[in-house]
Structures are given as C-alpha cells and as structure tokens.
C-alpha cells in the first residue's frame, strides 16, 4: 500500500507528465518554463506544495520516533 508521501509524489509526477505533454516537452527535461496557459499548471503547483508539506510531516514523524527511542 502506498504511503501519503508516495501518493503525493505520484500526483506530482502525473501532473508533470501532463504538463510536458501539453507543451510537447520530453518528461525527462530537467528545466522547463511552461506557458502561462498550461491547463495543468495550477493543479501541479498545488500538488508540489502538498508534496512538500507531506514530506515535512513524514520527516518530523521520523525524528520524533528517533528521539523517543533514544530517551
């Protein structure tokens, strides 16, 4: 079963692929400036924000667990 972090990362990847397809850009491109009219841009930006929030929460959870184990 996928974790919240894995799901968030998969959504970012899915939207990236859609944005690239709309612009005709290979998905393995490292740097892209998408047009302002890309229909997936807003959803992509929100997905990236969610990914970073979930990643931060996961990291804090690991740190708390480690701290409690040491105590």
PDB file of N, CA and C in Angstrom:
ATOM      1  N   UNK A   1       0.840  -1.181   0.000  1.00  0.00           N
ATOM      2  CA  UNK A   1       0.000   0.000   0.000  1.00  0.00           C
ATOM      3  C   UNK A   1       0.890   1.250   0.000  1.00  0.00           C
ATOM      4  N   UNK A   2       0.524   2.206  -0.808  1.00  0.00           N
ATOM      5  CA  UNK A   2       1.314   3.424  -0.933  1.00  0.00           C
ATOM      6  C   UNK A   2       1.081   4.354   0.263  1.00  0.00           C
ATOM      7  N   UNK A   3       2.148   4.994   0.677  1.00  0.00           N
ATOM      8  CA  UNK A   3       2.055   5.960   1.767  1.00  0.00           C
ATOM      9  C   UNK A   3       1.529   7.286   1.226  1.00  0.00           C
ATOM     10  N   UNK A   4       1.192   8.202   2.134  1.00  0.00           N
ATOM     11  CA  UNK A   4       0.747   9.537   1.717  1.00  0.00           C
ATOM     12  C   UNK A   4       1.836  10.223   0.896  1.00  0.00           C
ATOM     13  N   UNK A   5       3.081  10.032   1.314  1.00  0.00           N
ATOM     14  CA  UNK A   5       4.194  10.653   0.602  1.00  0.00           C
ATOM     15  C   UNK A   5       4.321  10.092  -0.812  1.00  0.00           C
ATOM     16  N   UNK A   6       4.200   8.783  -0.943  1.00  0.00           N
ATOM     17  CA  UNK A   6       4.277   8.165  -2.265  1.00  0.00           C
ATOM     18  C   UNK A   6       3.129   8.609  -3.158  1.00  0.00           C
ATOM     19  N   UNK A   7       1.944   8.740  -2.587  1.00  0.00           N
ATOM     20  CA  UNK A   7       0.787   9.202  -3.363  1.00  0.00           C
ATOM     21  C   UNK A   7       0.987  10.649  -3.816  1.00  0.00           C
ATOM     22  N   UNK A   8       1.493  11.484  -2.928  1.00  0.00           N
ATOM     23  CA  UNK A   8       1.730  12.886  -3.271  1.00  0.00           C
ATOM     24  C   UNK A   8       2.785  12.991  -4.369  1.00  0.00           C
ATOM     25  N   UNK A   9       3.834  12.188  -4.271  1.00  0.00           N
ATOM     26  CA  UNK A   9       4.888  12.202  -5.287  1.00  0.00           C
ATOM     27  C   UNK A   9       4.356  11.695  -6.626  1.00  0.00           C
ATOM     28  N   UNK A  10       3.516  10.686  -6.592  1.00  0.00           N
ATOM     29  CA  UNK A  10       2.932  10.151  -7.827  1.00  0.00           C
ATOM     30  C   UNK A  10       2.043  11.195  -8.503  1.00  0.00           C
ATOM     31  N   UNK A  11       1.324  11.973  -7.704  1.00  0.00           N
ATOM     32  CA  UNK A  11       0.472  13.015  -8.274  1.00  0.00           C
ATOM     33  C   UNK A  11       1.308  14.116  -8.927  1.00  0.00           C
ATOM     34  N   UNK A  12       2.397  14.505  -8.289  1.00  0.00           N
ATOM     35  CA  UNK A  12       3.298  15.497  -8.882  1.00  0.00           C
ATOM     36  C   UNK A  12       3.840  14.976 -10.218  1.00  0.00           C
ATOM     37  N   UNK A  13       4.263  13.730 -10.236  1.00  0.00           N
ATOM     38  CA  UNK A  13       4.793  13.132 -11.463  1.00  0.00           C
ATOM     39  C   UNK A  13       3.728  13.065 -12.552  1.00  0.00           C
ATOM     40  N   UNK A  14       2.525  12.663 -12.177  1.00  0.00           N
ATOM     41  CA  UNK A  14       1.425  12.566 -13.145  1.00  0.00           C
ATOM     42  C   UNK A  14       1.141  13.928 -13.788  1.00  0.00           C
ATOM     43  N   UNK A  15       1.076  14.962 -12.958  1.00  0.00           N
ATOM     44  CA  UNK A  15       0.790  16.297 -13.475  1.00  0.00           C
ATOM     45  C   UNK A  15       1.962  16.844 -14.293  1.00  0.00           C
ATOM     46  N   UNK A  16       3.189  16.549 -13.872  1.00  0.00           N
ATOM     47  CA  UNK A  16       4.363  16.947 -14.651  1.00  0.00           C
ATOM     48  C   UNK A  16       4.281  16.353 -16.055  1.00  0.00           C
ATOM     49  N   UNK A  17       3.949  15.070 -16.121  1.00  0.00           N
ATOM     50  CA  UNK A  17       3.845  14.397 -17.415  1.00  0.00           C
ATOM     51  C   UNK A  17       2.766  15.031 -18.282  1.00  0.00           C
ATOM     52  N   UNK A  18       1.640  15.391 -17.681  1.00  0.00           N
ATOM     53  CA  UNK A  18       0.574  16.050 -18.433  1.00  0.00           C
ATOM     54  C   UNK A  18       1.009  17.433 -18.920  1.00  0.00           C
ATOM     55  N   UNK A  19       1.708  18.163 -18.073  1.00  0.00           N
ATOM     56  CA  UNK A  19       2.187  19.495 -18.471  1.00  0.00           C
ATOM     57  C   UNK A  19       3.173  19.387 -19.622  1.00  0.00           C
ATOM     58  N   UNK A  20       4.084  18.434 -19.512  1.00  0.00           N
ATOM     59  CA  UNK A  20       5.069  18.241 -20.579  1.00  0.00           C
ATOM     60  C   UNK A  20       4.385  17.835 -21.885  1.00  0.00           C
ATOM     61  N   UNK A  21       3.417  16.945 -21.794  1.00  0.00           N
ATOM     62  CA  UNK A  21       2.713  16.500 -22.998  1.00  0.00           C
ATOM     63  C   UNK A  21       2.000  17.671 -23.667  1.00  0.00           C
ATOM     64  N   UNK A  22       1.395  18.516 -22.871  1.00  0.00           N
ATOM     65  CA  UNK A  22       0.682  19.672 -23.426  1.00  0.00           C
ATOM     66  C   UNK A  22       1.626  20.634 -24.132  1.00  0.00           C
ATOM     67  N   UNK A  23       2.860  20.738 -23.630  1.00  0.00           N
ATOM     68  CA  UNK A  23       3.844  21.659 -24.208  1.00  0.00           C
ATOM     69  C   UNK A  23       4.719  20.998 -25.273  1.00  0.00           C
ATOM     70  N   UNK A  24       4.616  19.671 -25.395  1.00  0.00           N
ATOM     71  CA  UNK A  24       5.461  18.967 -26.349  1.00  0.00           C
ATOM     72  C   UNK A  24       6.900  18.849 -25.891  1.00  0.00           C
ATOM     73  N   UNK A  25       7.086  18.734 -24.576  1.00  0.00           N
ATOM     74  CA  UNK A  25       8.417  18.671 -23.973  1.00  0.00           C
ATOM     75  C   UNK A  25       8.645  17.249 -23.448  1.00  0.00           C
ATOM     76  N   UNK A  26       9.828  16.669 -23.648  1.00  0.00           N
ATOM     77  CA  UNK A  26      10.101  15.348 -23.073  1.00  0.00           C
ATOM     78  C   UNK A  26       9.992  15.394 -21.541  1.00  0.00           C
ATOM     79  N   UNK A  27       9.421  14.365 -20.939  1.00  0.00           N
ATOM     80  CA  UNK A  27       9.205  14.362 -19.486  1.00  0.00           C
ATOM     81  C   UNK A  27      10.499  14.310 -18.684  1.00  0.00           C
ATOM     82  N   UNK A  28      11.599  13.903 -19.303  1.00  0.00           N
ATOM     83  CA  UNK A  28      12.867  13.845 -18.571  1.00  0.00           C
ATOM     84  C   UNK A  28      13.669  15.142 -18.663  1.00  0.00           C
ATOM     85  N   UNK A  29      13.039  16.192 -19.185  1.00  0.00           N
ATOM     86  CA  UNK A  29      13.688  17.502 -19.251  1.00  0.00           C
ATOM     87  C   UNK A  29      13.908  18.019 -17.835  1.00  0.00           C
ATOM     88  N   UNK A  30      15.098  18.545 -17.568  1.00  0.00           N
ATOM     89  CA  UNK A  30      15.456  18.975 -16.209  1.00  0.00           C
ATOM     90  C   UNK A  30      14.955  20.371 -15.865  1.00  0.00           C
ATOM     91  N   UNK A  31      14.831  21.242 -16.849  1.00  0.00           N
ATOM     92  CA  UNK A  31      14.373  22.607 -16.583  1.00  0.00           C
ATOM     93  C   UNK A  31      13.421  23.018 -17.693  1.00  0.00           C
ATOM     94  N   UNK A  32      12.249  23.468 -17.316  1.00  0.00           N
ATOM     95  CA  UNK A  32      11.236  23.867 -18.289  1.00  0.00           C
ATOM     96  C   UNK A  32      10.558  25.138 -17.799  1.00  0.00           C
ATOM     97  N   UNK A  33      10.302  26.045 -18.699  1.00  0.00           N
ATOM     98  CA  UNK A  33       9.437  27.175 -18.407  1.00  0.00           C
ATOM     99  C   UNK A  33       8.168  26.926 -19.201  1.00  0.00           C
ATOM    100  N   UNK A  34       7.118  26.568 -18.487  1.00  0.00           N
ATOM    101  CA  UNK A  34       5.855  26.275 -19.142  1.00  0.00           C
ATOM    102  C   UNK A  34       5.131  27.573 -19.481  1.00  0.00           C
ATOM    103  N   UNK A  35       4.266  27.512 -20.489  1.00  0.00           N
ATOM    104  CA  UNK A  35       3.478  28.694 -20.836  1.00  0.00           C
ATOM    105  C   UNK A  35       2.459  28.960 -19.726  1.00  0.00           C
ATOM    106  N   UNK A  36       2.044  30.195 -19.631  1.00  0.00           N
ATOM    107  CA  UNK A  36       1.073  30.573 -18.602  1.00  0.00           C
ATOM    108  C   UNK A  36      -0.310  29.993 -18.873  1.00  0.00           C
ATOM    109  N   UNK A  37      -0.511  29.474 -20.054  1.00  0.00           N
ATOM    110  CA  UNK A  37      -1.820  28.916 -20.407  1.00  0.00           C
ATOM    111  C   UNK A  37      -1.882  27.394 -20.223  1.00  0.00           C
ATOM    112  N   UNK A  38      -0.833  26.781 -19.682  1.00  0.00           N
ATOM    113  CA  UNK A  38      -0.843  25.331 -19.485  1.00  0.00           C
ATOM    114  C   UNK A  38      -1.981  24.979 -18.530  1.00  0.00           C
ATOM    115  N   UNK A  39      -2.866  24.121 -18.977  1.00  0.00           N
ATOM    116  CA  UNK A  39      -4.079  23.825 -18.211  1.00  0.00           C
ATOM    117  C   UNK A  39      -3.827  23.030 -16.928  1.00  0.00           C
ATOM    118  N   UNK A  40      -2.624  22.525 -16.740  1.00  0.00           N
ATOM    119  CA  UNK A  40      -2.316  21.722 -15.552  1.00  0.00           C
ATOM    120  C   UNK A  40      -1.451  22.472 -14.542  1.00  0.00           C
ATOM    121  N   UNK A  41      -1.084  23.704 -14.844  1.00  0.00           N
ATOM    122  CA  UNK A  41      -0.138  24.451 -14.007  1.00  0.00           C
ATOM    123  C   UNK A  41      -0.643  24.667 -12.587  1.00  0.00           C
ATOM    124  N   UNK A  42      -1.877  25.078 -12.426  1.00  0.00           N
ATOM    125  CA  UNK A  42      -2.406  25.338 -11.085  1.00  0.00           C
ATOM    126  C   UNK A  42      -2.443  24.061 -10.260  1.00  0.00           C
ATOM    127  N   UNK A  43      -2.938  22.990 -10.841  1.00  0.00           N
ATOM    128  CA  UNK A  43      -3.004  21.710 -10.127  1.00  0.00           C
ATOM    129  C   UNK A  43      -1.600  21.222  -9.780  1.00  0.00           C
ATOM    130  N   UNK A  44      -0.647  21.407 -10.695  1.00  0.00           N
ATOM    131  CA  UNK A  44       0.732  20.982 -10.445  1.00  0.00           C
ATOM    132  C   UNK A  44       1.318  21.751  -9.260  1.00  0.00           C
ATOM    133  N   UNK A  45       1.142  23.067  -9.252  1.00  0.00           N
ATOM    134  CA  UNK A  45       1.692  23.882  -8.169  1.00  0.00           C
ATOM    135  C   UNK A  45       1.099  23.483  -6.825  1.00  0.00           C
ATOM    136  N   UNK A  46      -0.197  23.218  -6.793  1.00  0.00           N
ATOM    137  CA  UNK A  46      -0.833  22.766  -5.550  1.00  0.00           C
ATOM    138  C   UNK A  46      -0.315  21.395  -5.130  1.00  0.00           C
ATOM    139  N   UNK A  47      -0.111  20.503  -6.092  1.00  0.00           N
ATOM    140  CA  UNK A  47       0.399  19.160  -5.788  1.00  0.00           C
ATOM    141  C   UNK A  47       1.818  19.223  -5.234  1.00  0.00           C
ATOM    142  N   UNK A  48       2.638  20.110  -5.767  1.00  0.00           N
ATOM    143  CA  UNK A  48       4.012  20.265  -5.268  1.00  0.00           C
ATOM    144  C   UNK A  48       3.986  20.786  -3.828  1.00  0.00           C
ATOM    145  N   UNK A  49       3.135  21.769  -3.560  1.00  0.00           N
ATOM    146  CA  UNK A  49       3.018  22.286  -2.190  1.00  0.00           C
ATOM    147  C   UNK A  49       2.589  21.171  -1.237  1.00  0.00           C
ATOM    148  N   UNK A  50       1.607  20.374  -1.658  1.00  0.00           N
ATOM    149  CA  UNK A  50       1.143  19.270  -0.822  1.00  0.00           C
ATOM    150  C   UNK A  50       2.263  18.257  -0.605  1.00  0.00           C
ATOM    151  N   UNK A  51       3.026  17.947  -1.664  1.00  0.00           N
ATOM    152  CA  UNK A  51       4.135  17.001  -1.536  1.00  0.00           C
ATOM    153  C   UNK A  51       5.132  17.475  -0.486  1.00  0.00           C
ATOM    154  N   UNK A  52       5.525  18.744  -0.551  1.00  0.00           N
ATOM    155  CA  UNK A  52       6.491  19.261   0.416  1.00  0.00           C
ATOM    156  C   UNK A  52       5.923  19.258   1.837  1.00  0.00           C
ATOM    157  N   UNK A  53       4.630  19.549   1.993  1.00  0.00           N
ATOM    158  CA  UNK A  53       4.015  19.519   3.315  1.00  0.00           C
ATOM    159  C   UNK A  53       4.002  18.091   3.874  1.00  0.00           C
ATOM    160  N   UNK A  54       3.605  17.133   3.049  1.00  0.00           N
ATOM    161  CA  UNK A  54       3.562  15.731   3.478  1.00  0.00           C
ATOM    162  C   UNK A  54       4.970  15.222   3.788  1.00  0.00           C
ATOM    163  N   UNK A  55       5.944  15.603   2.950  1.00  0.00           N
ATOM    164  CA  UNK A  55       7.329  15.181   3.191  1.00  0.00           C
ATOM    165  C   UNK A  55       7.846  15.739   4.505  1.00  0.00           C
ATOM    166  N   UNK A  56       7.520  16.984   4.786  1.00  0.00           N
ATOM    167  CA  UNK A  56       7.946  17.601   6.037  1.00  0.00           C
ATOM    168  C   UNK A  56       7.315  16.897   7.233  1.00  0.00           C
ATOM    169  N   UNK A  57       6.030  16.571   7.127  1.00  0.00           N
ATOM    170  CA  UNK A  57       5.346  15.863   8.207  1.00  0.00           C
ATOM    171  C   UNK A  57       5.953  14.478   8.428  1.00  0.00           C
ATOM    172  N   UNK A  58       6.274  13.787   7.360  1.00  0.00           N
ATOM    173  CA  UNK A  58       6.879  12.456   7.470  1.00  0.00           C
ATOM    174  C   UNK A  58       8.254  12.551   8.127  1.00  0.00           C
ATOM    175  N   UNK A  59       9.015  13.552   7.729  1.00  0.00           N
ATOM    176  CA  UNK A  59      10.341  13.739   8.298  1.00  0.00           C
ATOM    177  C   UNK A  59      10.258  14.044   9.790  1.00  0.00           C
ATOM    178  N   UNK A  60       9.319  14.895  10.173  1.00  0.00           N
ATOM    179  CA  UNK A  60       9.153  15.232  11.592  1.00  0.00           C
ATOM    180  C   UNK A  60       8.726  14.010  12.390  1.00  0.00           C
ATOM    181  N   UNK A  61       7.892  13.191  11.791  1.00  0.00           N
ATOM    182  CA  UNK A  61       7.441  11.974  12.461  1.00  0.00           C
ATOM    183  C   UNK A  61       8.602  11.022  12.727  1.00  0.00           C
ATOM    184  N   UNK A  62       9.476  10.872  11.754  1.00  0.00           N
ATOM    185  CA  UNK A  62      10.655  10.020  11.907  1.00  0.00           C
ATOM    186  C   UNK A  62      11.567  10.572  12.997  1.00  0.00           C
ATOM    187  N   UNK A  63      11.750  11.882  12.991  1.00  0.00           N
ATOM    188  CA  UNK A  63      12.606  12.496  14.008  1.00  0.00           C
ATOM    189  C   UNK A  63      12.024  12.301  15.408  1.00  0.00           C
ATOM    190  N   UNK A  64      10.698  12.469  15.536  1.00  0.00           N
ATOM    191  CA  UNK A  64      10.065  12.260  16.845  1.00  0.00           C
ATOM    192  C   UNK A  64      10.238  10.826  17.312  1.00  0.00           C
ATOM    193  N   UNK A  65      10.058   9.881  16.406  1.00  0.00           N
ATOM    194  CA  UNK A  65      10.215   8.464  16.755  1.00  0.00           C
ATOM    195  C   UNK A  65      11.635   8.166  17.198  1.00  0.00           C
ATOM    196  N   UNK A  66      12.602   8.723  16.482  1.00  0.00           N
ATOM    197  CA  UNK A  66      14.007   8.515  16.822  1.00  0.00           C
ATOM    198  C   UNK A  66      14.326   9.117  18.191  1.00  0.00           C
ATOM    199  N   UNK A  67      13.794  10.297  18.438  1.00  0.00           N
ATOM    200  CA  UNK A  67      14.040  10.965  19.706  1.00  0.00           C
ATOM    201  C   UNK A  67      13.467  10.144  20.864  1.00  0.00           C
ATOM    202  N   UNK A  68      12.251   9.637  20.667  1.00  0.00           N
ATOM    203  CA  UNK A  68      11.614   8.859  21.738  1.00  0.00           C
ATOM    204  C   UNK A  68      12.360   7.545  21.966  1.00  0.00           C
ATOM    205  N   UNK A  69      12.918   6.959  20.935  1.00  0.00           N
ATOM    206  CA  UNK A  69      13.661   5.708  21.083  1.00  0.00           C
ATOM    207  C   UNK A  69      14.942   5.912  21.882  1.00  0.00           C
ATOM    208  N   UNK A  70      15.537   7.084  21.744  1.00  0.00           N
ATOM    209  CA  UNK A  70      16.789   7.393  22.433  1.00  0.00           C
ATOM    210  C   UNK A  70      16.532   7.710  23.898  1.00  0.00           C
ATOM    211  N   UNK A  71      15.390   8.266  24.171  1.00  0.00           N
ATOM    212  CA  UNK A  71      15.065   8.653  25.561  1.00  0.00           C
ATOM    213  C   UNK A  71      14.976   7.437  26.376  1.00  0.00           C
TER     214      UNK A  71
END
